[in-house]
Amino acid sequence: PEQEKIANLLTLLSNRIEEQRQLIIALKKYKRGAVAHILSGKSVAFAV
């Protein structure tokens, strides 16, 4: 029973860490896309 308690807590925390890591990866990917979109002159908002 105590093994299960410990494992459940740390597994939930590990899953939360993985979700956080994936969020950061997604933000960085989105930023790279935004940089390329704007500086290539494709952005309507900035490409005057």
All heavy atoms as atom14 arrays in JSON, in Angstrom:
{
  "sequence": "PEQEKIANLLTLLSNRIEEQRQLIIALKKYKRGAVAHILSGKSVAFAV",
  "atom14_mask": [
    [1, 1, 1, 1, 1, 1, 1, 0, 0, 0, 0, 0, 0, 0],
    [1, 1, 1, 1, 1, 1, 1, 1, 1, 0, 0, 0, 0, 0],
    [1, 1, 1, 1, 1, 1, 1, 1, 1, 0, 0, 0, 0, 0],
    [1, 1, 1, 1, 1, 1, 1, 1, 1, 0, 0, 0, 0, 0],
    [1, 1, 1, 1, 1, 1, 1, 1, 1, 0, 0, 0, 0, 0],
    [1, 1, 1, 1, 1, 1, 1, 1, 0, 0, 0, 0, 0, 0],
    [1, 1, 1, 1, 1, 0, 0, 0, 0, 0, 0, 0, 0, 0],
    [1, 1, 1, 1, 1, 1, 1, 1, 0, 0, 0, 0, 0, 0],
    [1, 1, 1, 1, 1, 1, 1, 1, 0, 0, 0, 0, 0, 0],
    [1, 1, 1, 1, 1, 1, 1, 1, 0, 0, 0, 0, 0, 0],
    [1, 1, 1, 1, 1, 1, 1, 0, 0, 0, 0, 0, 0, 0],
    [1, 1, 1, 1, 1, 1, 1, 1, 0, 0, 0, 0, 0, 0],
    [1, 1, 1, 1, 1, 1, 1, 1, 0, 0, 0, 0, 0, 0],
    [1, 1, 1, 1, 1, 1, 0, 0, 0, 0, 0, 0, 0, 0],
    [1, 1, 1, 1, 1, 1, 1, 1, 0, 0, 0, 0, 0, 0],
    [1, 1, 1, 1, 1, 1, 1, 1, 1, 1, 1, 0, 0, 0],
    [1, 1, 1, 1, 1, 1, 1, 1, 0, 0, 0, 0, 0, 0],
    [1, 1, 1, 1, 1, 1, 1, 1, 1, 0, 0, 0, 0, 0],
    [1, 1, 1, 1, 1, 1, 1, 1, 1, 0, 0, 0, 0, 0],
    [1, 1, 1, 1, 1, 1, 1, 1, 1, 0, 0, 0, 0, 0],
    [1, 1, 1, 1, 1, 1, 1, 1, 1, 1, 1, 0, 0, 0],
    [1, 1, 1, 1, 1, 1, 1, 1, 1, 0, 0, 0, 0, 0],
    [1, 1, 1, 1, 1, 1, 1, 1, 0, 0, 0, 0, 0, 0],
    [1, 1, 1, 1, 1, 1, 1, 1, 0, 0, 0, 0, 0, 0],
    [1, 1, 1, 1, 1, 1, 1, 1, 0, 0, 0, 0, 0, 0],
    [1, 1, 1, 1, 1, 0, 0, 0, 0, 0, 0, 0, 0, 0],
    [1, 1, 1, 1, 1, 1, 1, 1, 0, 0, 0, 0, 0, 0],
    [1, 1, 1, 1, 1, 1, 1, 1, 1, 0, 0, 0, 0, 0],
    [1, 1, 1, 1, 1, 1, 1, 1, 1, 0, 0, 0, 0, 0],
    [1, 1, 1, 1, 1, 1, 1, 1, 1, 1, 1, 1, 0, 0],
    [1, 1, 1, 1, 1, 1, 1, 1, 1, 0, 0, 0, 0, 0],
    [1, 1, 1, 1, 1, 1, 1, 1, 1, 1, 1, 0, 0, 0],
    [1, 1, 1, 1, 0, 0, 0, 0, 0, 0, 0, 0, 0, 0],
    [1, 1, 1, 1, 1, 0, 0, 0, 0, 0, 0, 0, 0, 0],
    [1, 1, 1, 1, 1, 1, 1, 0, 0, 0, 0, 0, 0, 0],
    [1, 1, 1, 1, 1, 0, 0, 0, 0, 0, 0, 0, 0, 0],
    [1, 1, 1, 1, 1, 1, 1, 1, 1, 1, 0, 0, 0, 0],
    [1, 1, 1, 1, 1, 1, 1, 1, 0, 0, 0, 0, 0, 0],
    [1, 1, 1, 1, 1, 1, 1, 1, 0, 0, 0, 0, 0, 0],
    [1, 1, 1, 1, 1, 1, 0, 0, 0, 0, 0, 0, 0, 0],
    [1, 1, 1, 1, 0, 0, 0, 0, 0, 0, 0, 0, 0, 0],
    [1, 1, 1, 1, 1, 1, 1, 1, 1, 0, 0, 0, 0, 0],
    [1, 1, 1, 1, 1, 1, 0, 0, 0, 0, 0, 0, 0, 0],
    [1, 1, 1, 1, 1, 1, 1, 0, 0, 0, 0, 0, 0, 0],
    [1, 1, 1, 1, 1, 0, 0, 0, 0, 0, 0, 0, 0, 0],
    [1, 1, 1, 1, 1, 1, 1, 1, 1, 1, 1, 0, 0, 0],
    [1, 1, 1, 1, 1, 0, 0, 0, 0, 0, 0, 0, 0, 0],
    [1, 1, 1, 1, 1, 1, 1, 0, 0, 0, 0, 0, 0, 0]
  ],
  "atom14_positions": [
    [[0.81, -1.22, 0.0], [0.0, 0.0, 0.0], [0.85, 1.27, 0.0], [0.52, 2.25, -0.69], [-0.83, -0.12, 1.28], [-0.92, -1.59, 1.53], [0.41, -2.14, 1.1], [0.0, 0.0, 0.0], [0.0, 0.0, 0.0], [0.0, 0.0, 0.0], [0.0, 0.0, 0.0], [0.0, 0.0, 0.0], [0.0, 0.0, 0.0], [0.0, 0.0, 0.0]],
    [[1.93, 1.28, 0.77], [2.78, 2.47, 0.78], [3.56, 2.6, -0.53], [3.79, 3.72, -1.02], [3.76, 2.42, 1.96], [4.53, 3.73, 2.14], [5.37, 3.76, 3.41], [5.4, 2.76, 4.15], [5.99, 4.82, 3.68], [0.0, 0.0, 0.0], [0.0, 0.0, 0.0], [0.0, 0.0, 0.0], [0.0, 0.0, 0.0], [0.0, 0.0, 0.0]],
    [[3.96, 1.48, -1.11], [4.61, 1.52, -2.43], [3.71, 2.21, -3.44], [4.16, 3.04, -4.24], [4.92, 0.09, -2.9], [6.04, -0.6, -2.17], [6.35, -1.96, -2.76], [6.25, -2.16, -3.97], [6.73, -2.91, -1.92], [0.0, 0.0, 0.0], [0.0, 0.0, 0.0], [0.0, 0.0, 0.0], [0.0, 0.0, 0.0], [0.0, 0.0, 0.0]],
    [[2.41, 1.86, -3.41], [1.48, 2.44, -4.37], [1.29, 3.94, -4.13], [1.18, 4.72, -5.09], [0.14, 1.72, -4.28], [0.21, 0.27, -4.78], [-1.08, -0.49, -4.53], [-2.02, 0.11, -3.95], [-1.16, -1.67, -4.91], [0.0, 0.0, 0.0], [0.0, 0.0, 0.0], [0.0, 0.0, 0.0], [0.0, 0.0, 0.0], [0.0, 0.0, 0.0]],
    [[1.25, 4.35, -2.86], [1.12, 5.77, -2.54], [2.31, 6.56, -3.11], [2.14, 7.61, -3.75], [1.07, 5.96, -1.02], [-0.24, 5.57, -0.37], [-1.23, 6.73, -0.47], [-2.46, 6.45, 0.39], [-3.44, 7.55, 0.31], [0.0, 0.0, 0.0], [0.0, 0.0, 0.0], [0.0, 0.0, 0.0], [0.0, 0.0, 0.0], [0.0, 0.0, 0.0]],
    [[3.51, 6.06, -2.84], [4.72, 6.75, -3.3], [4.76, 6.78, -4.83], [5.02, 7.82, -5.45], [5.98, 6.05, -2.75], [6.02, 6.16, -1.23], [7.25, 6.67, -3.35], [7.09, 5.31, -0.58], [0.0, 0.0, 0.0], [0.0, 0.0, 0.0], [0.0, 0.0, 0.0], [0.0, 0.0, 0.0], [0.0, 0.0, 0.0], [0.0, 0.0, 0.0]],
    [[4.48, 5.62, -5.44], [4.54, 5.53, -6.9], [3.52, 6.45, -7.56], [3.83, 7.13, -8.55], [4.32, 4.09, -7.34], [0.0, 0.0, 0.0], [0.0, 0.0, 0.0], [0.0, 0.0, 0.0], [0.0, 0.0, 0.0], [0.0, 0.0, 0.0], [0.0, 0.0, 0.0], [0.0, 0.0, 0.0], [0.0, 0.0, 0.0], [0.0, 0.0, 0.0]],
    [[2.31, 6.51, -7.01], [1.27, 7.37, -7.59], [1.66, 8.84, -7.52], [1.47, 9.59, -8.49], [-0.06, 7.15, -6.87], [-0.68, 5.8, -7.2], [-0.33, 5.19, -8.2], [-1.58, 5.34, -6.35], [0.0, 0.0, 0.0], [0.0, 0.0, 0.0], [0.0, 0.0, 0.0], [0.0, 0.0, 0.0], [0.0, 0.0, 0.0], [0.0, 0.0, 0.0]],
    [[2.18, 9.26, -6.37], [2.59, 10.66, -6.22], [3.68, 11.02, -7.22], [3.58, 12.02, -7.95], [3.08, 10.91, -4.79], [3.75, 12.28, -4.57], [2.76, 13.41, -4.75], [4.39, 12.34, -3.18], [0.0, 0.0, 0.0], [0.0, 0.0, 0.0], [0.0, 0.0, 0.0], [0.0, 0.0, 0.0], [0.0, 0.0, 0.0], [0.0, 0.0, 0.0]],
    [[4.75, 10.21, -7.27], [5.87, 10.54, -8.14], [5.52, 10.37, -9.62], [6.03, 11.11, -10.46], [7.07, 9.66, -7.77], [7.68, 9.94, -6.4], [8.78, 8.94, -6.08], [8.24, 11.36, -6.34], [0.0, 0.0, 0.0], [0.0, 0.0, 0.0], [0.0, 0.0, 0.0], [0.0, 0.0, 0.0], [0.0, 0.0, 0.0], [0.0, 0.0, 0.0]],
    [[4.63, 9.43, -9.93], [4.2, 9.28, -11.32], [3.4, 10.5, -11.77], [3.59, 11.01, -12.89], [3.35, 8.01, -11.49], [4.14, 6.87, -11.14], [2.87, 7.86, -12.93], [0.0, 0.0, 0.0], [0.0, 0.0, 0.0], [0.0, 0.0, 0.0], [0.0, 0.0, 0.0], [0.0, 0.0, 0.0], [0.0, 0.0, 0.0], [0.0, 0.0, 0.0]],
    [[2.5, 11.0, -10.91], [1.74, 12.21, -11.24], [2.68, 13.4, -11.45], [2.5, 14.19, -12.38], [0.74, 12.52, -10.12], [-0.51, 11.64, -10.06], [-1.29, 11.93, -8.78], [-1.39, 11.88, -11.28], [0.0, 0.0, 0.0], [0.0, 0.0, 0.0], [0.0, 0.0, 0.0], [0.0, 0.0, 0.0], [0.0, 0.0, 0.0], [0.0, 0.0, 0.0]],
    [[3.68, 13.51, -10.58], [4.63, 14.62, -10.71], [5.47, 14.47, -11.97], [5.73, 15.45, -12.68], [5.53, 14.68, -9.47], [6.48, 15.87, -9.37], [5.75, 17.19, -9.53], [7.23, 15.84, -8.05], [0.0, 0.0, 0.0], [0.0, 0.0, 0.0], [0.0, 0.0, 0.0], [0.0, 0.0, 0.0], [0.0, 0.0, 0.0], [0.0, 0.0, 0.0]],
    [[5.88, 13.24, -12.29], [6.64, 13.0, -13.52], [5.81, 13.35, -14.75], [6.32, 13.94, -15.71], [7.1, 11.54, -13.59], [8.02, 11.25, -12.55], [0.0, 0.0, 0.0], [0.0, 0.0, 0.0], [0.0, 0.0, 0.0], [0.0, 0.0, 0.0], [0.0, 0.0, 0.0], [0.0, 0.0, 0.0], [0.0, 0.0, 0.0], [0.0, 0.0, 0.0]],
    [[4.53, 13.0, -14.72], [3.65, 13.33, -15.84], [3.48, 14.84, -15.97], [3.44, 15.39, -17.08], [2.28, 12.67, -15.66], [2.34, 11.16, -15.79], [3.29, 10.62, -16.36], [1.35, 10.48, -15.26], [0.0, 0.0, 0.0], [0.0, 0.0, 0.0], [0.0, 0.0, 0.0], [0.0, 0.0, 0.0], [0.0, 0.0, 0.0], [0.0, 0.0, 0.0]],
    [[3.38, 15.53, -14.83], [3.26, 16.99, -14.85], [4.52, 17.62, -15.43], [4.45, 18.59, -16.2], [3.03, 17.5, -13.42], [3.0, 19.01, -13.28], [1.78, 19.61, -13.97], [1.79, 21.05, -13.89], [2.42, 21.85, -14.75], [3.09, 21.32, -15.79], [2.38, 23.15, -14.62], [0.0, 0.0, 0.0], [0.0, 0.0, 0.0], [0.0, 0.0, 0.0]],
    [[5.68, 17.07, -15.08], [6.95, 17.57, -15.61], [7.01, 17.36, -17.12], [7.44, 18.25, -17.87], [8.14, 16.88, -14.91], [8.25, 17.38, -13.46], [9.44, 17.12, -15.66], [9.24, 16.62, -12.62], [0.0, 0.0, 0.0], [0.0, 0.0, 0.0], [0.0, 0.0, 0.0], [0.0, 0.0, 0.0], [0.0, 0.0, 0.0], [0.0, 0.0, 0.0]],
    [[6.57, 16.2, -17.59], [6.58, 15.93, -19.02], [5.62, 16.87, -19.76], [5.95, 17.37, -20.85], [6.21, 14.48, -19.28], [6.21, 14.07, -20.75], [7.56, 14.29, -21.43], [8.6, 14.28, -20.73], [7.56, 14.49, -22.66], [0.0, 0.0, 0.0], [0.0, 0.0, 0.0], [0.0, 0.0, 0.0], [0.0, 0.0, 0.0], [0.0, 0.0, 0.0]],
    [[4.46, 17.14, -19.18], [3.53, 18.1, -19.79], [4.16, 19.49, -19.87], [4.01, 20.19, -20.87], [2.24, 18.16, -18.97], [1.38, 16.91, -19.06], [0.21, 16.96, -18.1], [0.08, 17.97, -17.37], [-0.58, 15.99, -18.07], [0.0, 0.0, 0.0], [0.0, 0.0, 0.0], [0.0, 0.0, 0.0], [0.0, 0.0, 0.0], [0.0, 0.0, 0.0]],
    [[4.87, 19.87, -18.82], [5.53, 21.17, -18.8], [6.62, 21.24, -19.87], [6.77, 22.24, -20.57], [6.13, 21.44, -17.42], [6.67, 22.85, -17.23], [5.58, 23.9, -17.2], [4.41, 23.59, -17.0], [5.96, 25.15, -17.39], [0.0, 0.0, 0.0], [0.0, 0.0, 0.0], [0.0, 0.0, 0.0], [0.0, 0.0, 0.0], [0.0, 0.0, 0.0]],
    [[7.36, 20.15, -20.0], [8.41, 20.1, -21.02], [7.82, 20.2, -22.42], [8.36, 20.91, -23.28], [9.21, 18.8, -20.86], [10.43, 18.71, -21.78], [11.19, 17.42, -21.57], [11.82, 17.39, -20.27], [11.49, 16.58, -19.27], [10.49, 15.73, -19.44], [12.11, 16.61, -18.13], [0.0, 0.0, 0.0], [0.0, 0.0, 0.0], [0.0, 0.0, 0.0]],
    [[6.72, 19.52, -22.66], [6.08, 19.57, -23.97], [5.51, 20.97, -24.25], [5.52, 21.43, -25.4], [4.97, 18.52, -24.06], [5.47, 17.08, -24.07], [6.42, 16.8, -25.22], [6.23, 17.28, -26.34], [7.46, 16.03, -24.95], [0.0, 0.0, 0.0], [0.0, 0.0, 0.0], [0.0, 0.0, 0.0], [0.0, 0.0, 0.0], [0.0, 0.0, 0.0]],
    [[5.01, 21.64, -23.22], [4.52, 23.0, -23.38], [5.65, 23.93, -23.83], [5.47, 24.76, -24.74], [3.92, 23.51, -22.07], [3.53, 24.99, -22.01], [2.47, 25.31, -23.05], [3.04, 25.37, -20.62], [0.0, 0.0, 0.0], [0.0, 0.0, 0.0], [0.0, 0.0, 0.0], [0.0, 0.0, 0.0], [0.0, 0.0, 0.0], [0.0, 0.0, 0.0]],
    [[6.81, 23.8, -23.21], [7.96, 24.63, -23.58], [8.39, 24.35, -25.01], [8.7, 25.27, -25.78], [9.11, 24.4, -22.58], [8.72, 24.93, -21.2], [10.39, 25.08, -23.06], [9.67, 24.53, -20.09], [0.0, 0.0, 0.0], [0.0, 0.0, 0.0], [0.0, 0.0, 0.0], [0.0, 0.0, 0.0], [0.0, 0.0, 0.0], [0.0, 0.0, 0.0]],
    [[8.42, 23.08, -25.38], [8.78, 22.71, -26.75], [7.81, 23.35, -27.74], [8.21, 23.89, -28.78], [8.79, 21.18, -26.91], [9.96, 20.58, -26.13], [8.88, 20.78, -28.39], [9.96, 19.06, -26.08], [0.0, 0.0, 0.0], [0.0, 0.0, 0.0], [0.0, 0.0, 0.0], [0.0, 0.0, 0.0], [0.0, 0.0, 0.0], [0.0, 0.0, 0.0]],
    [[6.5, 23.3, -27.42], [5.49, 23.88, -28.3], [5.65, 25.4, -28.41], [5.52, 25.97, -29.51], [4.1, 23.53, -27.79], [0.0, 0.0, 0.0], [0.0, 0.0, 0.0], [0.0, 0.0, 0.0], [0.0, 0.0, 0.0], [0.0, 0.0, 0.0], [0.0, 0.0, 0.0], [0.0, 0.0, 0.0], [0.0, 0.0, 0.0], [0.0, 0.0, 0.0]],
    [[5.93, 26.06, -27.28], [6.12, 27.52, -27.31], [7.33, 27.9, -28.16], [7.28, 28.86, -28.94], [6.29, 28.05, -25.88], [5.02, 28.18, -25.04], [5.38, 28.51, -23.6], [4.09, 29.24, -25.61], [0.0, 0.0, 0.0], [0.0, 0.0, 0.0], [0.0, 0.0, 0.0], [0.0, 0.0, 0.0], [0.0, 0.0, 0.0], [0.0, 0.0, 0.0]],
    [[8.41, 27.16, -28.02], [9.61, 27.45, -28.8], [9.37, 27.22, -30.29], [9.84, 27.99, -31.14], [10.79, 26.6, -28.3], [11.31, 27.02, -26.94], [12.5, 26.16, -26.52], [13.07, 26.66, -25.2], [14.23, 25.85, -24.74], [0.0, 0.0, 0.0], [0.0, 0.0, 0.0], [0.0, 0.0, 0.0], [0.0, 0.0, 0.0], [0.0, 0.0, 0.0]],
    [[8.63, 26.17, -30.59], [8.31, 25.88, -32.0], [7.43, 26.99, -32.57], [7.63, 27.45, -33.7], [7.6, 24.53, -32.09], [7.26, 24.12, -33.5], [6.59, 22.75, -33.53], [6.23, 22.34, -34.96], [5.59, 21.0, -35.0], [0.0, 0.0, 0.0], [0.0, 0.0, 0.0], [0.0, 0.0, 0.0], [0.0, 0.0, 0.0], [0.0, 0.0, 0.0]],
    [[6.45, 27.44, -31.78], [5.56, 28.5, -32.24], [6.34, 29.8, -32.45], [6.11, 30.53, -33.43], [4.44, 28.72, -31.22], [3.31, 29.57, -31.74], [2.23, 29.01, -32.42], [3.31, 30.96, -31.56], [1.19, 29.78, -32.9], [2.28, 31.75, -32.05], [1.23, 31.15, -32.71], [0.21, 31.93, -33.2], [0.0, 0.0, 0.0], [0.0, 0.0, 0.0]],
    [[7.27, 30.07, -31.54], [8.08, 31.28, -31.68], [8.93, 31.23, -32.93], [9.04, 32.21, -33.68], [8.97, 31.45, -30.44], [9.91, 32.65, -30.55], [11.05, 32.56, -29.57], [12.16, 33.52, -29.97], [13.36, 33.38, -29.12], [0.0, 0.0, 0.0], [0.0, 0.0, 0.0], [0.0, 0.0, 0.0], [0.0, 0.0, 0.0], [0.0, 0.0, 0.0]],
    [[9.56, 30.07, -33.19], [10.37, 29.95, -34.42], [9.52, 30.2, -35.65], [9.96, 30.86, -36.6], [11.01, 28.55, -34.49], [12.13, 28.32, -33.5], [12.94, 27.09, -33.86], [12.12, 25.88, -33.85], [11.94, 25.11, -32.79], [12.52, 25.44, -31.64], [11.2, 24.02, -32.86], [0.0, 0.0, 0.0], [0.0, 0.0, 0.0], [0.0, 0.0, 0.0]],
    [[8.29, 29.67, -35.64], [7.4, 29.9, -36.77], [7.03, 31.36, -36.92], [6.97, 31.89, -38.04], [0.0, 0.0, 0.0], [0.0, 0.0, 0.0], [0.0, 0.0, 0.0], [0.0, 0.0, 0.0], [0.0, 0.0, 0.0], [0.0, 0.0, 0.0], [0.0, 0.0, 0.0], [0.0, 0.0, 0.0], [0.0, 0.0, 0.0], [0.0, 0.0, 0.0]],
    [[6.8, 32.05, -35.78], [6.45, 33.47, -35.81], [7.61, 34.3, -36.35], [7.41, 35.21, -37.17], [6.06, 33.94, -34.42], [0.0, 0.0, 0.0], [0.0, 0.0, 0.0], [0.0, 0.0, 0.0], [0.0, 0.0, 0.0], [0.0, 0.0, 0.0], [0.0, 0.0, 0.0], [0.0, 0.0, 0.0], [0.0, 0.0, 0.0], [0.0, 0.0, 0.0]],
    [[8.82, 33.99, -35.9], [10.0, 34.72, -36.38], [10.15, 34.55, -37.89], [10.34, 35.53, -38.63], [11.27, 34.22, -35.65], [12.53, 34.81, -36.31], [11.24, 34.62, -34.18], [0.0, 0.0, 0.0], [0.0, 0.0, 0.0], [0.0, 0.0, 0.0], [0.0, 0.0, 0.0], [0.0, 0.0, 0.0], [0.0, 0.0, 0.0], [0.0, 0.0, 0.0]],
    [[10.06, 33.31, -38.35], [10.21, 33.06, -39.79], [9.1, 33.73, -40.59], [9.34, 34.3, -41.67], [10.21, 31.55, -40.04], [0.0, 0.0, 0.0], [0.0, 0.0, 0.0], [0.0, 0.0, 0.0], [0.0, 0.0, 0.0], [0.0, 0.0, 0.0], [0.0, 0.0, 0.0], [0.0, 0.0, 0.0], [0.0, 0.0, 0.0], [0.0, 0.0, 0.0]],
    [[7.88, 33.71, -40.08], [6.74, 34.29, -40.78], [6.89, 35.81, -40.91], [6.63, 36.38, -41.98], [5.46, 33.95, -40.03], [4.2, 34.37, -40.72], [3.77, 33.8, -41.91], [3.28, 35.32, -40.41], [2.65, 34.37, -42.29], [2.32, 35.29, -41.4], [0.0, 0.0, 0.0], [0.0, 0.0, 0.0], [0.0, 0.0, 0.0], [0.0, 0.0, 0.0]],
    [[7.34, 36.44, -39.84], [7.45, 37.91, -39.84], [8.65, 38.37, -40.65], [8.53, 39.26, -41.52], [7.56, 38.43, -38.39], [6.24, 38.18, -37.65], [7.9, 39.92, -38.38], [6.33, 38.44, -36.16], [0.0, 0.0, 0.0], [0.0, 0.0, 0.0], [0.0, 0.0, 0.0], [0.0, 0.0, 0.0], [0.0, 0.0, 0.0], [0.0, 0.0, 0.0]],
    [[9.82, 37.77, -40.41], [11.05, 38.27, -41.05], [11.17, 37.85, -42.5], [12.01, 38.39, -43.23], [12.26, 37.82, -40.25], [12.34, 38.36, -38.82], [13.63, 37.97, -38.14], [12.2, 39.89, -38.82], [0.0, 0.0, 0.0], [0.0, 0.0, 0.0], [0.0, 0.0, 0.0], [0.0, 0.0, 0.0], [0.0, 0.0, 0.0], [0.0, 0.0, 0.0]],
    [[10.34, 36.9, -42.94], [10.32, 36.55, -44.37], [9.39, 37.47, -45.15], [9.27, 37.35, -46.37], [9.89, 35.09, -44.54], [8.56, 34.91, -44.09], [0.0, 0.0, 0.0], [0.0, 0.0, 0.0], [0.0, 0.0, 0.0], [0.0, 0.0, 0.0], [0.0, 0.0, 0.0], [0.0, 0.0, 0.0], [0.0, 0.0, 0.0], [0.0, 0.0, 0.0]],
    [[8.7, 38.37, -44.42], [7.81, 39.32, -45.08], [6.42, 38.81, -45.35], [5.65, 39.43, -46.1], [0.0, 0.0, 0.0], [0.0, 0.0, 0.0], [0.0, 0.0, 0.0], [0.0, 0.0, 0.0], [0.0, 0.0, 0.0], [0.0, 0.0, 0.0], [0.0, 0.0, 0.0], [0.0, 0.0, 0.0], [0.0, 0.0, 0.0], [0.0, 0.0, 0.0]],
    [[6.04, 37.66, -44.74], [4.73, 37.07, -45.0], [3.65, 37.57, -44.05], [2.47, 37.31, -44.26], [4.83, 35.55, -44.92], [5.74, 34.94, -45.97], [5.83, 33.43, -45.79], [6.77, 32.82, -46.83], [6.91, 31.34, -46.65], [0.0, 0.0, 0.0], [0.0, 0.0, 0.0], [0.0, 0.0, 0.0], [0.0, 0.0, 0.0], [0.0, 0.0, 0.0]],
    [[4.04, 38.25, -42.99], [3.07, 38.71, -42.01], [2.36, 39.97, -42.5], [3.0, 41.0, -42.78], [3.77, 38.99, -40.68], [2.89, 39.63, -39.78], [0.0, 0.0, 0.0], [0.0, 0.0, 0.0], [0.0, 0.0, 0.0], [0.0, 0.0, 0.0], [0.0, 0.0, 0.0], [0.0, 0.0, 0.0], [0.0, 0.0, 0.0], [0.0, 0.0, 0.0]],
    [[1.05, 39.9, -42.59], [0.26, 41.06, -43.03], [0.4, 42.2, -42.04], [0.44, 43.39, -42.41], [-1.22, 40.67, -43.2], [-2.06, 41.88, -43.56], [-1.37, 39.57, -44.24], [0.0, 0.0, 0.0], [0.0, 0.0, 0.0], [0.0, 0.0, 0.0], [0.0, 0.0, 0.0], [0.0, 0.0, 0.0], [0.0, 0.0, 0.0], [0.0, 0.0, 0.0]],
    [[0.5, 41.87, -40.76], [0.56, 42.9, -39.72], [1.83, 43.74, -39.8], [1.82, 44.92, -39.46], [0.45, 42.24, -38.34], [0.0, 0.0, 0.0], [0.0, 0.0, 0.0], [0.0, 0.0, 0.0], [0.0, 0.0, 0.0], [0.0, 0.0, 0.0], [0.0, 0.0, 0.0], [0.0, 0.0, 0.0], [0.0, 0.0, 0.0], [0.0, 0.0, 0.0]],
    [[2.96, 43.13, -40.25], [4.24, 43.85, -40.21], [4.85, 44.09, -41.6], [5.75, 44.91, -41.73], [5.25, 43.08, -39.36], [4.84, 42.95, -37.92], [4.46, 41.72, -37.39], [4.84, 44.05, -37.08], [4.09, 41.58, -36.07], [4.47, 43.93, -35.75], [4.09, 42.69, -35.24], [0.0, 0.0, 0.0], [0.0, 0.0, 0.0], [0.0, 0.0, 0.0]],
    [[4.39, 43.37, -42.62], [5.03, 43.46, -43.93], [4.46, 44.59, -44.76], [3.75, 44.38, -45.73], [4.9, 42.14, -44.67], [0.0, 0.0, 0.0], [0.0, 0.0, 0.0], [0.0, 0.0, 0.0], [0.0, 0.0, 0.0], [0.0, 0.0, 0.0], [0.0, 0.0, 0.0], [0.0, 0.0, 0.0], [0.0, 0.0, 0.0], [0.0, 0.0, 0.0]],
    [[4.72, 45.81, -44.37], [4.35, 46.97, -45.17], [5.44, 47.15, -46.22], [6.55, 47.57, -45.91], [4.22, 48.24, -44.29], [3.81, 49.43, -45.15], [3.23, 48.0, -43.17], [0.0, 0.0, 0.0], [0.0, 0.0, 0.0], [0.0, 0.0, 0.0], [0.0, 0.0, 0.0], [0.0, 0.0, 0.0], [0.0, 0.0, 0.0], [0.0, 0.0, 0.0]]
  ]
}
